[in-house]
């Protein structure tokens, strides 16, 4: 395995995780569009209310991520 391939491991993982998160959130939004309530999604999936809230409102997740990023120390 070459160094570039090893460096790509974390990036590839993050990309795949983000893609799957977006797919999951789209399915949860579709469930709400089909008439399911947020409380039902919490009960059925086992996700927290906050996870469901962020899935249904991507702008909330984006704002939370931006706040967390702002709190992190800058990379040297």
PDB file of N, CA and C in Angstrom:
ATOM      1  N   UNK A   1       0.851  -1.175   0.000  1.00  0.00           N
ATOM      2  CA  UNK A   1       0.000   0.000   0.000  1.00  0.00           C
ATOM      3  C   UNK A   1       0.897   1.238   0.000  1.00  0.00           C
ATOM      4  N   UNK A   2       0.558   2.186  -0.830  1.00  0.00           N
ATOM      5  CA  UNK A   2       1.343   3.410  -0.937  1.00  0.00           C
ATOM      6  C   UNK A   2       0.880   4.430   0.113  1.00  0.00           C
ATOM      7  N   UNK A   3       1.763   5.390   0.400  1.00  0.00           N
ATOM      8  CA  UNK A   3       1.463   6.413   1.409  1.00  0.00           C
ATOM      9  C   UNK A   3       0.203   7.191   1.059  1.00  0.00           C
ATOM     10  N   UNK A   4       0.031   7.519  -0.193  1.00  0.00           N
ATOM     11  CA  UNK A   4      -1.154   8.281  -0.612  1.00  0.00           C
ATOM     12  C   UNK A   4      -2.440   7.500  -0.327  1.00  0.00           C
ATOM     13  N   UNK A   5      -2.383   6.193  -0.495  1.00  0.00           N
ATOM     14  CA  UNK A   5      -3.560   5.353  -0.220  1.00  0.00           C
ATOM     15  C   UNK A   5      -3.881   5.344   1.275  1.00  0.00           C
ATOM     16  N   UNK A   6      -2.854   5.324   2.093  1.00  0.00           N
ATOM     17  CA  UNK A   6      -3.057   5.352   3.536  1.00  0.00           C
ATOM     18  C   UNK A   6      -3.638   6.705   3.956  1.00  0.00           C
ATOM     19  N   UNK A   7      -3.110   7.778   3.376  1.00  0.00           N
ATOM     20  CA  UNK A   7      -3.631   9.106   3.695  1.00  0.00           C
ATOM     21  C   UNK A   7      -5.095   9.248   3.300  1.00  0.00           C
ATOM     22  N   UNK A   8      -5.499   8.545   2.263  1.00  0.00           N
ATOM     23  CA  UNK A   8      -6.875   8.650   1.770  1.00  0.00           C
ATOM     24  C   UNK A   8      -7.878   7.896   2.639  1.00  0.00           C
ATOM     25  N   UNK A   9      -7.416   7.024   3.518  1.00  0.00           N
ATOM     26  CA  UNK A   9      -8.326   6.207   4.324  1.00  0.00           C
ATOM     27  C   UNK A   9      -9.294   7.082   5.119  1.00  0.00           C
ATOM     28  N   UNK A  10      -8.805   8.026   5.862  1.00  0.00           N
ATOM     29  CA  UNK A  10      -9.665   8.872   6.698  1.00  0.00           C
ATOM     30  C   UNK A  10     -10.611   9.704   5.844  1.00  0.00           C
ATOM     31  N   UNK A  11     -10.093  10.257   4.778  1.00  0.00           N
ATOM     32  CA  UNK A  11     -10.920  11.063   3.875  1.00  0.00           C
ATOM     33  C   UNK A  11     -12.028  10.234   3.240  1.00  0.00           C
ATOM     34  N   UNK A  12     -11.691   9.050   2.783  1.00  0.00           N
ATOM     35  CA  UNK A  12     -12.688   8.164   2.182  1.00  0.00           C
ATOM     36  C   UNK A  12     -13.762   7.792   3.191  1.00  0.00           C
ATOM     37  N   UNK A  13     -13.348   7.528   4.422  1.00  0.00           N
ATOM     38  CA  UNK A  13     -14.290   7.181   5.480  1.00  0.00           C
ATOM     39  C   UNK A  13     -15.246   8.342   5.751  1.00  0.00           C
ATOM     40  N   UNK A  14     -14.696   9.534   5.882  1.00  0.00           N
ATOM     41  CA  UNK A  14     -15.528  10.720   6.139  1.00  0.00           C
ATOM     42  C   UNK A  14     -16.514  10.952   4.999  1.00  0.00           C
ATOM     43  N   UNK A  15     -16.066  10.790   3.767  1.00  0.00           N
ATOM     44  CA  UNK A  15     -16.946  10.963   2.609  1.00  0.00           C
ATOM     45  C   UNK A  15     -18.086   9.942   2.619  1.00  0.00           C
ATOM     46  N   UNK A  16     -17.756   8.687   2.902  1.00  0.00           N
ATOM     47  CA  UNK A  16     -18.772   7.635   2.930  1.00  0.00           C
ATOM     48  C   UNK A  16     -19.760   7.863   4.071  1.00  0.00           C
ATOM     49  N   UNK A  17     -19.247   8.249   5.220  1.00  0.00           N
ATOM     50  CA  UNK A  17     -20.102   8.516   6.374  1.00  0.00           C
ATOM     51  C   UNK A  17     -21.077   9.652   6.070  1.00  0.00           C
ATOM     52  N   UNK A  18     -20.579  10.704   5.469  1.00  0.00           N
ATOM     53  CA  UNK A  18     -21.431  11.849   5.128  1.00  0.00           C
ATOM     54  C   UNK A  18     -22.498  11.453   4.112  1.00  0.00           C
ATOM     55  N   UNK A  19     -22.116  10.675   3.119  1.00  0.00           N
ATOM     56  CA  UNK A  19     -23.071  10.227   2.105  1.00  0.00           C
ATOM     57  C   UNK A  19     -24.180   9.388   2.729  1.00  0.00           C
ATOM     58  N   UNK A  20     -23.806   8.462   3.597  1.00  0.00           N
ATOM     59  CA  UNK A  20     -24.795   7.608   4.253  1.00  0.00           C
ATOM     60  C   UNK A  20     -25.689   8.404   5.200  1.00  0.00           C
ATOM     61  N   UNK A  21     -25.129   9.376   5.870  1.00  0.00           N
ATOM     62  CA  UNK A  21     -25.918  10.245   6.749  1.00  0.00           C
ATOM     63  C   UNK A  21     -26.967  10.998   5.938  1.00  0.00           C
ATOM     64  N   UNK A  22     -26.569  11.520   4.797  1.00  0.00           N
ATOM     65  CA  UNK A  22     -27.509  12.236   3.928  1.00  0.00           C
ATOM     66  C   UNK A  22     -28.608  11.310   3.420  1.00  0.00           C
ATOM     67  N   UNK A  23     -28.245  10.076   3.060  1.00  0.00           N
ATOM     68  CA  UNK A  23     -29.243   9.106   2.601  1.00  0.00           C
ATOM     69  C   UNK A  23     -30.234   8.772   3.716  1.00  0.00           C
ATOM     70  N   UNK A  24     -29.712   8.543   4.920  1.00  0.00           N
ATOM     71  CA  UNK A  24     -30.576   8.232   6.060  1.00  0.00           C
ATOM     72  C   UNK A  24     -31.539   9.380   6.336  1.00  0.00           C
ATOM     73  N   UNK A  25     -31.001  10.596   6.351  1.00  0.00           N
ATOM     74  CA  UNK A  25     -31.831  11.762   6.635  1.00  0.00           C
ATOM     75  C   UNK A  25     -32.917  11.946   5.582  1.00  0.00           C
ATOM     76  N   UNK A  26     -32.584  11.697   4.324  1.00  0.00           N
ATOM     77  CA  UNK A  26     -33.581  11.812   3.251  1.00  0.00           C
ATOM     78  C   UNK A  26     -34.703  10.803   3.462  1.00  0.00           C
ATOM     79  N   UNK A  27     -34.352   9.587   3.894  1.00  0.00           N
ATOM     80  CA  UNK A  27     -35.373   8.569   4.156  1.00  0.00           C
ATOM     81  C   UNK A  27     -36.253   8.960   5.347  1.00  0.00           C
ATOM     82  N   UNK A  28     -35.657   9.534   6.367  1.00  0.00           N
ATOM     83  CA  UNK A  28     -36.444   9.978   7.520  1.00  0.00           C
ATOM     84  C   UNK A  28     -37.379  11.123   7.130  1.00  0.00           C
ATOM     85  N   UNK A  29     -36.890  12.041   6.290  1.00  0.00           N
ATOM     86  CA  UNK A  29     -37.765  13.130   5.823  1.00  0.00           C
ATOM     87  C   UNK A  29     -38.906  12.573   4.982  1.00  0.00           C
ATOM     88  N   UNK A  30     -38.626  11.540   4.182  1.00  0.00           N
ATOM     89  CA  UNK A  30     -39.676  10.915   3.389  1.00  0.00           C
ATOM     90  C   UNK A  30     -40.715  10.266   4.297  1.00  0.00           C
ATOM     91  N   UNK A  31     -40.261   9.647   5.377  1.00  0.00           N
ATOM     92  CA  UNK A  31     -41.196   9.024   6.318  1.00  0.00           C
ATOM     93  C   UNK A  31     -42.151  10.069   6.893  1.00  0.00           C
ATOM     94  N   UNK A  32     -41.627  11.242   7.223  1.00  0.00           N
ATOM     95  CA  UNK A  32     -42.483  12.320   7.736  1.00  0.00           C
ATOM     96  C   UNK A  32     -43.445  12.775   6.644  1.00  0.00           C
ATOM     97  N   UNK A  33     -42.959  12.897   5.423  1.00  0.00           N
ATOM     98  CA  UNK A  33     -43.831  13.277   4.307  1.00  0.00           C
ATOM     99  C   UNK A  33     -44.932  12.244   4.081  1.00  0.00           C
ATOM    100  N   UNK A  34     -44.648  10.986   4.437  1.00  0.00           N
ATOM    101  CA  UNK A  34     -45.630   9.914   4.293  1.00  0.00           C
ATOM    102  C   UNK A  34     -46.593   9.834   5.475  1.00  0.00           C
ATOM    103  N   UNK A  35     -46.418  10.738   6.439  1.00  0.00           N
ATOM    104  CA  UNK A  35     -47.370  10.810   7.542  1.00  0.00           C
ATOM    105  C   UNK A  35     -46.880  10.329   8.895  1.00  0.00           C
ATOM    106  N   UNK A  36     -45.650   9.856   8.989  1.00  0.00           N
ATOM    107  CA  UNK A  36     -45.126   9.430  10.280  1.00  0.00           C
ATOM    108  C   UNK A  36     -44.789  10.653  11.128  1.00  0.00           C
ATOM    109  N   UNK A  37     -44.949  10.531  12.426  1.00  0.00           N
ATOM    110  CA  UNK A  37     -44.622  11.609  13.363  1.00  0.00           C
ATOM    111  C   UNK A  37     -43.190  11.426  13.866  1.00  0.00           C
ATOM    112  N   UNK A  38     -42.591  12.545  14.296  1.00  0.00           N
ATOM    113  CA  UNK A  38     -41.238  12.482  14.836  1.00  0.00           C
ATOM    114  C   UNK A  38     -41.162  11.490  15.993  1.00  0.00           C
ATOM    115  N   UNK A  39     -42.152  11.495  16.856  1.00  0.00           N
ATOM    116  CA  UNK A  39     -42.156  10.580  18.005  1.00  0.00           C
ATOM    117  C   UNK A  39     -42.138   9.128  17.536  1.00  0.00           C
ATOM    118  N   UNK A  40     -42.836   8.841  16.438  1.00  0.00           N
ATOM    119  CA  UNK A  40     -42.819   7.481  15.889  1.00  0.00           C
ATOM    120  C   UNK A  40     -41.418   7.111  15.421  1.00  0.00           C
ATOM    121  N   UNK A  41     -40.752   8.046  14.757  1.00  0.00           N
ATOM    122  CA  UNK A  41     -39.406   7.770  14.248  1.00  0.00           C
ATOM    123  C   UNK A  41     -38.438   7.511  15.400  1.00  0.00           C
ATOM    124  N   UNK A  42     -38.573   8.274  16.482  1.00  0.00           N
ATOM    125  CA  UNK A  42     -37.727   8.065  17.658  1.00  0.00           C
ATOM    126  C   UNK A  42     -37.957   6.660  18.213  1.00  0.00           C
ATOM    127  N   UNK A  43     -39.219   6.306  18.371  1.00  0.00           N
ATOM    128  CA  UNK A  43     -39.571   5.002  18.941  1.00  0.00           C
ATOM    129  C   UNK A  43     -39.093   3.853  18.048  1.00  0.00           C
ATOM    130  N   UNK A  44     -39.337   3.955  16.769  1.00  0.00           N
ATOM    131  CA  UNK A  44     -39.031   2.856  15.845  1.00  0.00           C
ATOM    132  C   UNK A  44     -37.533   2.703  15.596  1.00  0.00           C
ATOM    133  N   UNK A  45     -36.832   3.823  15.404  1.00  0.00           N
ATOM    134  CA  UNK A  45     -35.409   3.757  15.060  1.00  0.00           C
ATOM    135  C   UNK A  45     -34.493   3.633  16.271  1.00  0.00           C
ATOM    136  N   UNK A  46     -34.958   4.137  17.406  1.00  0.00           N
ATOM    137  CA  UNK A  46     -34.089   4.172  18.576  1.00  0.00           C
ATOM    138  C   UNK A  46     -33.173   5.381  18.596  1.00  0.00           C
ATOM    139  N   UNK A  47     -33.280   6.248  17.587  1.00  0.00           N
ATOM    140  CA  UNK A  47     -32.498   7.481  17.576  1.00  0.00           C
ATOM    141  C   UNK A  47     -33.067   8.453  18.602  1.00  0.00           C
ATOM    142  N   UNK A  48     -32.235   9.371  19.048  1.00  0.00           N
ATOM    143  CA  UNK A  48     -32.699  10.384  19.992  1.00  0.00           C
ATOM    144  C   UNK A  48     -33.584  11.401  19.270  1.00  0.00           C
ATOM    145  N   UNK A  49     -34.341  12.146  20.044  1.00  0.00           N
ATOM    146  CA  UNK A  49     -35.166  13.217  19.462  1.00  0.00           C
ATOM    147  C   UNK A  49     -34.291  14.225  18.734  1.00  0.00           C
ATOM    148  N   UNK A  50     -33.121  14.505  19.298  1.00  0.00           N
ATOM    149  CA  UNK A  50     -32.212  15.471  18.675  1.00  0.00           C
ATOM    150  C   UNK A  50     -31.692  14.964  17.332  1.00  0.00           C
ATOM    151  N   UNK A  51     -31.363  13.691  17.244  1.00  0.00           N
ATOM    152  CA  UNK A  51     -30.896  13.118  15.980  1.00  0.00           C
ATOM    153  C   UNK A  51     -31.988  13.232  14.919  1.00  0.00           C
ATOM    154  N   UNK A  52     -33.215  12.913  15.285  1.00  0.00           N
ATOM    155  CA  UNK A  52     -34.329  13.016  14.345  1.00  0.00           C
ATOM    156  C   UNK A  52     -34.543  14.470  13.951  1.00  0.00           C
ATOM    157  N   UNK A  53     -34.469  15.376  14.915  1.00  0.00           N
ATOM    158  CA  UNK A  53     -34.656  16.811  14.622  1.00  0.00           C
ATOM    159  C   UNK A  53     -33.617  17.276  13.605  1.00  0.00           C
ATOM    160  N   UNK A  54     -32.363  16.896  13.796  1.00  0.00           N
ATOM    161  CA  UNK A  54     -31.313  17.306  12.870  1.00  0.00           C
ATOM    162  C   UNK A  54     -31.499  16.658  11.500  1.00  0.00           C
ATOM    163  N   UNK A  55     -31.970  15.426  11.485  1.00  0.00           N
ATOM    164  CA  UNK A  55     -32.207  14.744  10.207  1.00  0.00           C
ATOM    165  C   UNK A  55     -33.309  15.437   9.419  1.00  0.00           C
ATOM    166  N   UNK A  56     -34.331  15.903  10.116  1.00  0.00           N
ATOM    167  CA  UNK A  56     -35.464  16.541   9.446  1.00  0.00           C
ATOM    168  C   UNK A  56     -35.183  17.987   9.070  1.00  0.00           C
ATOM    169  N   UNK A  57     -34.176  18.579   9.709  1.00  0.00           N
ATOM    170  CA  UNK A  57     -33.842  19.989   9.455  1.00  0.00           C
ATOM    171  C   UNK A  57     -32.332  20.120   9.261  1.00  0.00           C
ATOM    172  N   UNK A  58     -31.835  19.831   8.057  1.00  0.00           N
ATOM    173  CA  UNK A  58     -30.388  19.844   7.813  1.00  0.00           C
ATOM    174  C   UNK A  58     -29.716  21.175   8.162  1.00  0.00           C
ATOM    175  N   UNK A  59     -30.467  22.266   8.103  1.00  0.00           N
ATOM    176  CA  UNK A  59     -29.876  23.566   8.441  1.00  0.00           C
ATOM    177  C   UNK A  59     -29.492  23.626   9.917  1.00  0.00           C
ATOM    178  N   UNK A  60     -30.207  22.900  10.765  1.00  0.00           N
ATOM    179  CA  UNK A  60     -29.866  22.845  12.190  1.00  0.00           C
ATOM    180  C   UNK A  60     -28.540  22.120  12.366  1.00  0.00           C
ATOM    181  N   UNK A  61     -28.396  20.976  11.695  1.00  0.00           N
ATOM    182  CA  UNK A  61     -27.129  20.227  11.788  1.00  0.00           C
ATOM    183  C   UNK A  61     -25.975  21.084  11.274  1.00  0.00           C
ATOM    184  N   UNK A  62     -26.170  21.788  10.178  1.00  0.00           N
ATOM    185  CA  UNK A  62     -25.107  22.629   9.620  1.00  0.00           C
ATOM    186  C   UNK A  62     -24.701  23.719  10.611  1.00  0.00           C
ATOM    187  N   UNK A  63     -25.678  24.322  11.269  1.00  0.00           N
ATOM    188  CA  UNK A  63     -25.384  25.376  12.250  1.00  0.00           C
ATOM    189  C   UNK A  63     -24.618  24.800  13.443  1.00  0.00           C
ATOM    190  N   UNK A  64     -25.015  23.624  13.905  1.00  0.00           N
ATOM    191  CA  UNK A  64     -24.312  22.997  15.032  1.00  0.00           C
ATOM    192  C   UNK A  64     -22.880  22.638  14.655  1.00  0.00           C
ATOM    193  N   UNK A  65     -22.694  22.117  13.450  1.00  0.00           N
ATOM    194  CA  UNK A  65     -21.342  21.781  13.000  1.00  0.00           C
ATOM    195  C   UNK A  65     -20.473  23.030  12.905  1.00  0.00           C
ATOM    196  N   UNK A  66     -21.044  24.117  12.418  1.00  0.00           N
ATOM    197  CA  UNK A  66     -20.287  25.362  12.293  1.00  0.00           C
ATOM    198  C   UNK A  66     -19.868  25.874  13.668  1.00  0.00           C
ATOM    199  N   UNK A  67     -20.772  25.779  14.636  1.00  0.00           N
ATOM    200  CA  UNK A  67     -20.441  26.218  15.997  1.00  0.00           C
ATOM    201  C   UNK A  67     -19.333  25.368  16.597  1.00  0.00           C
ATOM    202  N   UNK A  68     -19.422  24.034  16.393  1.00  0.00           N
ATOM    203  CA  UNK A  68     -18.383  23.146  16.924  1.00  0.00           C
ATOM    204  C   UNK A  68     -17.038  23.451  16.262  1.00  0.00           C
ATOM    205  N   UNK A  69     -17.051  23.657  14.962  1.00  0.00           N
ATOM    206  CA  UNK A  69     -15.803  23.938  14.233  1.00  0.00           C
ATOM    207  C   UNK A  69     -15.182  25.238  14.727  1.00  0.00           C
ATOM    208  N   UNK A  70     -16.013  26.222  15.041  1.00  0.00           N
ATOM    209  CA  UNK A  70     -15.505  27.500  15.512  1.00  0.00           C
ATOM    210  C   UNK A  70     -14.853  27.371  16.885  1.00  0.00           C
ATOM    211  N   UNK A  71     -15.284  26.403  17.675  1.00  0.00           N
ATOM    212  CA  UNK A  71     -14.733  26.209  19.011  1.00  0.00           C
ATOM    213  C   UNK A  71     -13.411  25.448  18.983  1.00  0.00           C
ATOM    214  N   UNK A  72     -13.160  24.678  17.917  1.00  0.00           N
ATOM    215  CA  UNK A  72     -11.937  23.886  17.827  1.00  0.00           C
ATOM    216  C   UNK A  72     -10.726  24.800  17.603  1.00  0.00           C
ATOM    217  N   UNK A  73      -9.626  24.449  18.218  1.00  0.00           N
ATOM    218  CA  UNK A  73      -8.406  25.242  17.961  1.00  0.00           C
ATOM    219  C   UNK A  73      -7.964  25.026  16.506  1.00  0.00           C
ATOM    220  N   UNK A  74      -7.396  26.034  15.935  1.00  0.00           N
ATOM    221  CA  UNK A  74      -6.925  25.960  14.538  1.00  0.00           C
ATOM    222  C   UNK A  74      -5.778  24.964  14.437  1.00  0.00           C
ATOM    223  N   UNK A  75      -5.753  24.225  13.327  1.00  0.00           N
ATOM    224  CA  UNK A  75      -4.663  23.270  13.097  1.00  0.00           C
ATOM    225  C   UNK A  75      -3.383  24.039  12.813  1.00  0.00           C
ATOM    226  N   UNK A  76      -2.309  23.498  13.288  1.00  0.00           N
ATOM    227  CA  UNK A  76      -1.016  24.181  13.091  1.00  0.00           C
ATOM    228  C   UNK A  76      -0.346  23.724  11.849  1.00  0.00           C
TER     229      UNK A  76
END
